[in-house]
């Protein structure tokens, strides 16, 4: 049996967080640097994969984040 722990620190900019099967997270957050005013990105904290949306947090962005979190086996990066 395996156990997973959810990281305690949740940055204020993260809108949604999906836990991967090995404990990393896929975070959905706004991207203010991009020209589109409602640009958001889903970013895996394990393998650095990402998916961007210029139209906010839409169904495709959430679908990608959920699907990636269900299959990614990259371990979370050390915090120290």
Protein backbone atom coordinates (compact mmCIF):
# COMPACT_ATOMS: atom_id res chain seq x y z
CA UNK A 1 0.00 0.00 0.00
CA UNK A 2 1.30 3.46 -0.85
CA UNK A 3 0.53 6.74 0.81
CA UNK A 4 0.53 10.21 -0.66
CA UNK A 5 0.80 13.52 1.07
CA UNK A 6 -0.47 16.80 -0.28
CA UNK A 7 2.16 19.55 -0.13
CA UNK A 8 1.31 21.98 2.68
CA UNK A 9 2.23 25.15 0.85
CA UNK A 10 -0.33 26.24 -1.72
CA UNK A 11 0.72 29.47 -3.46
CA UNK A 12 -1.98 32.14 -3.56
CA UNK A 13 -1.80 32.31 -7.37
CA UNK A 14 -2.78 28.62 -7.82
CA UNK A 15 -6.44 28.36 -8.85
CA UNK A 16 -6.65 24.54 -9.04
CA UNK A 17 -4.27 21.77 -7.96
CA UNK A 18 -4.27 18.15 -9.09
CA UNK A 19 -2.22 15.53 -7.24
CA UNK A 20 -0.20 13.13 -9.39
CA UNK A 21 0.01 9.44 -8.64
CA UNK A 22 3.42 9.85 -6.97
CA UNK A 23 2.83 13.04 -5.01
CA UNK A 24 3.80 15.90 -7.34
CA UNK A 25 1.18 18.46 -8.29
CA UNK A 26 -0.20 19.93 -11.49
CA UNK A 27 -0.99 23.56 -10.71
CA UNK A 28 -3.36 25.76 -12.71
CA UNK A 29 -2.50 29.45 -12.44
CA UNK A 30 -2.81 32.73 -14.32
CA UNK A 31 0.04 33.81 -16.57
CA UNK A 32 0.22 37.62 -16.41
CA UNK A 33 3.35 37.81 -18.57
CA UNK A 34 1.54 36.61 -21.70
CA UNK A 35 -0.21 39.18 -23.90
CA UNK A 36 -3.66 37.59 -23.50
CA UNK A 37 -5.29 39.13 -20.40
CA UNK A 38 -6.97 35.88 -19.27
CA UNK A 39 -4.08 33.51 -20.04
CA UNK A 40 -3.70 30.51 -17.70
CA UNK A 41 -1.31 27.58 -17.57
CA UNK A 42 -1.37 24.09 -16.08
CA UNK A 43 2.15 23.18 -14.95
CA UNK A 44 3.43 19.86 -13.61
CA UNK A 45 5.77 20.29 -10.64
CA UNK A 46 7.23 16.85 -11.31
CA UNK A 47 8.16 16.67 -15.00
CA UNK A 48 7.71 20.34 -16.04
CA UNK A 49 5.08 19.52 -18.68
CA UNK A 50 2.62 22.35 -19.27
CA UNK A 51 -0.50 23.33 -21.17
CA UNK A 52 -1.57 26.92 -21.80
CA UNK A 53 -4.89 28.57 -22.49
CA UNK A 54 -5.41 32.14 -23.67
CA UNK A 55 -9.10 31.98 -22.72
CA UNK A 56 -8.91 31.38 -18.99
CA UNK A 57 -9.52 28.22 -17.03
CA UNK A 58 -11.55 26.33 -19.61
CA UNK A 59 -12.63 22.71 -19.95
CA UNK A 60 -9.63 21.75 -22.10
CA UNK A 61 -7.14 23.14 -19.59
CA UNK A 62 -8.79 21.28 -16.71
CA UNK A 63 -9.05 18.11 -18.81
CA UNK A 64 -5.31 18.22 -19.61
CA UNK A 65 -4.36 18.87 -15.97
CA UNK A 66 -6.52 16.00 -14.71
CA UNK A 67 -5.31 13.55 -17.38
CA UNK A 68 -1.67 14.46 -16.81
CA UNK A 69 -1.97 14.09 -13.04
CA UNK A 70 -3.44 10.61 -13.47
CA UNK A 71 -0.45 9.34 -15.49
CA UNK A 72 2.67 11.35 -14.52
CA UNK A 73 5.21 9.37 -12.54
CA UNK A 74 7.81 12.12 -12.08
CA UNK A 75 8.63 12.59 -8.42
CA UNK A 76 8.07 15.97 -6.79
CA UNK A 77 11.14 18.17 -6.64
CA UNK A 78 12.81 18.46 -3.21
CA UNK A 79 11.85 21.60 -1.31
CA UNK A 80 15.23 22.13 0.36
